[in-house]
Amino acid sequence: MFRYFSRLSEKFDLPVYPVVVFSYNSPKTPEPNVYEVAFPNKVVLQFKYDVI
């Protein structure tokens, strides 16, 4: 999700609203709505998106 967001943002130089649409009625497990890169002492990236 983050890769699509960053590539679209860079390519078109426009704001991108991050959203993911799943094609099933109900998930077997809860889907995450965040992508995070972290080290033991610091979060360097936290990307949040809406799940529909």
C-alpha atoms as a PDB file:
ATOM      1  CA  MET A   1       0.000   0.000   0.000  1.00  0.00           C
ATOM      2  CA  PHE A   2       2.753   2.425   0.934  1.00  0.00           C
ATOM      3  CA  ARG A   3       4.632   1.726  -2.298  1.00  0.00           C
ATOM      4  CA  TYR A   4       1.584   2.484  -4.450  1.00  0.00           C
ATOM      5  CA  PHE A   5       0.949   5.657  -2.478  1.00  0.00           C
ATOM      6  CA  SER A   6       4.509   6.940  -2.740  1.00  0.00           C
ATOM      7  CA  ARG A   7       4.828   6.130  -6.452  1.00  0.00           C
ATOM      8  CA  LEU A   8       1.537   7.808  -7.362  1.00  0.00           C
ATOM      9  CA  SER A   9       2.389  10.842  -5.279  1.00  0.00           C
ATOM     10  CA  GLU A  10       5.809  11.169  -6.883  1.00  0.00           C
ATOM     11  CA  LYS A  11       4.621  10.509 -10.442  1.00  0.00           C
ATOM     12  CA  PHE A  12       1.680  12.919 -10.499  1.00  0.00           C
ATOM     13  CA  ASP A  13       2.792  15.403  -7.829  1.00  0.00           C
ATOM     14  CA  LEU A  14      -0.748  15.472  -6.428  1.00  0.00           C
ATOM     15  CA  PRO A  15      -2.251  14.616  -3.047  1.00  0.00           C
ATOM     16  CA  VAL A  16      -3.185  10.936  -2.772  1.00  0.00           C
ATOM     17  CA  TYR A  17      -5.789   9.718  -0.284  1.00  0.00           C
ATOM     18  CA  PRO A  18      -4.738   6.218   0.794  1.00  0.00           C
ATOM     19  CA  VAL A  19      -7.562   3.692   0.854  1.00  0.00           C
ATOM     20  CA  VAL A  20      -7.744  -0.057   0.271  1.00  0.00           C
ATOM     21  CA  VAL A  21     -10.892  -1.847  -0.899  1.00  0.00           C
ATOM     22  CA  PHE A  22     -11.156  -5.572  -0.209  1.00  0.00           C
ATOM     23  CA  SER A  23     -13.403  -7.699  -2.421  1.00  0.00           C
ATOM     24  CA  TYR A  24     -14.716 -10.158   0.147  1.00  0.00           C
ATOM     25  CA  ASN A  25     -17.749  -9.777   2.414  1.00  0.00           C
ATOM     26  CA  SER A  26     -15.957 -10.337   5.707  1.00  0.00           C
ATOM     27  CA  PRO A  27     -12.283 -10.985   6.376  1.00  0.00           C
ATOM     28  CA  LYS A  28     -11.126 -14.185   8.060  1.00  0.00           C
ATOM     29  CA  THR A  29      -8.728 -12.097  10.134  1.00  0.00           C
ATOM     30  CA  PRO A  30      -8.734  -8.379  10.920  1.00  0.00           C
ATOM     31  CA  GLU A  31      -6.906  -6.432   8.236  1.00  0.00           C
ATOM     32  CA  PRO A  32      -4.237  -3.948   9.291  1.00  0.00           C
ATOM     33  CA  ASN A  33      -4.656  -0.263   8.490  1.00  0.00           C
ATOM     34  CA  VAL A  34      -1.092   0.812   9.137  1.00  0.00           C
ATOM     35  CA  TYR A  35       2.350   0.148   7.686  1.00  0.00           C
ATOM     36  CA  GLU A  36       5.211   0.843  10.052  1.00  0.00           C
ATOM     37  CA  VAL A  37       8.991   0.752   9.899  1.00  0.00           C
ATOM     38  CA  ALA A  38      10.519   0.797  13.349  1.00  0.00           C
ATOM     39  CA  PHE A  39      13.665   0.130  15.288  1.00  0.00           C
ATOM     40  CA  PRO A  40      13.775  -0.798  18.978  1.00  0.00           C
ATOM     41  CA  ASN A  41      14.185   2.830  19.993  1.00  0.00           C
ATOM     42  CA  LYS A  42      12.450   4.746  17.180  1.00  0.00           C
ATOM     43  CA  VAL A  43       9.588   4.621  14.690  1.00  0.00           C
ATOM     44  CA  VAL A  44      10.922   6.013  11.413  1.00  0.00           C
ATOM     45  CA  LEU A  45       7.777   5.595   9.302  1.00  0.00           C
ATOM     46  CA  GLN A  46       4.115   5.194  10.161  1.00  0.00           C
ATOM     47  CA  PHE A  47       1.727   5.112   7.204  1.00  0.00           C
ATOM     48  CA  LYS A  48      -2.009   4.879   7.932  1.00  0.00           C
ATOM     49  CA  TYR A  49      -4.768   4.159   5.427  1.00  0.00           C
ATOM     50  CA  ASP A  50      -8.503   3.489   5.438  1.00  0.00           C
ATOM     51  CA  VAL A  51      -9.793  -0.055   4.930  1.00  0.00           C
ATOM     52  CA  ILE A  52     -13.125  -0.459   3.154  1.00  0.00           C
END
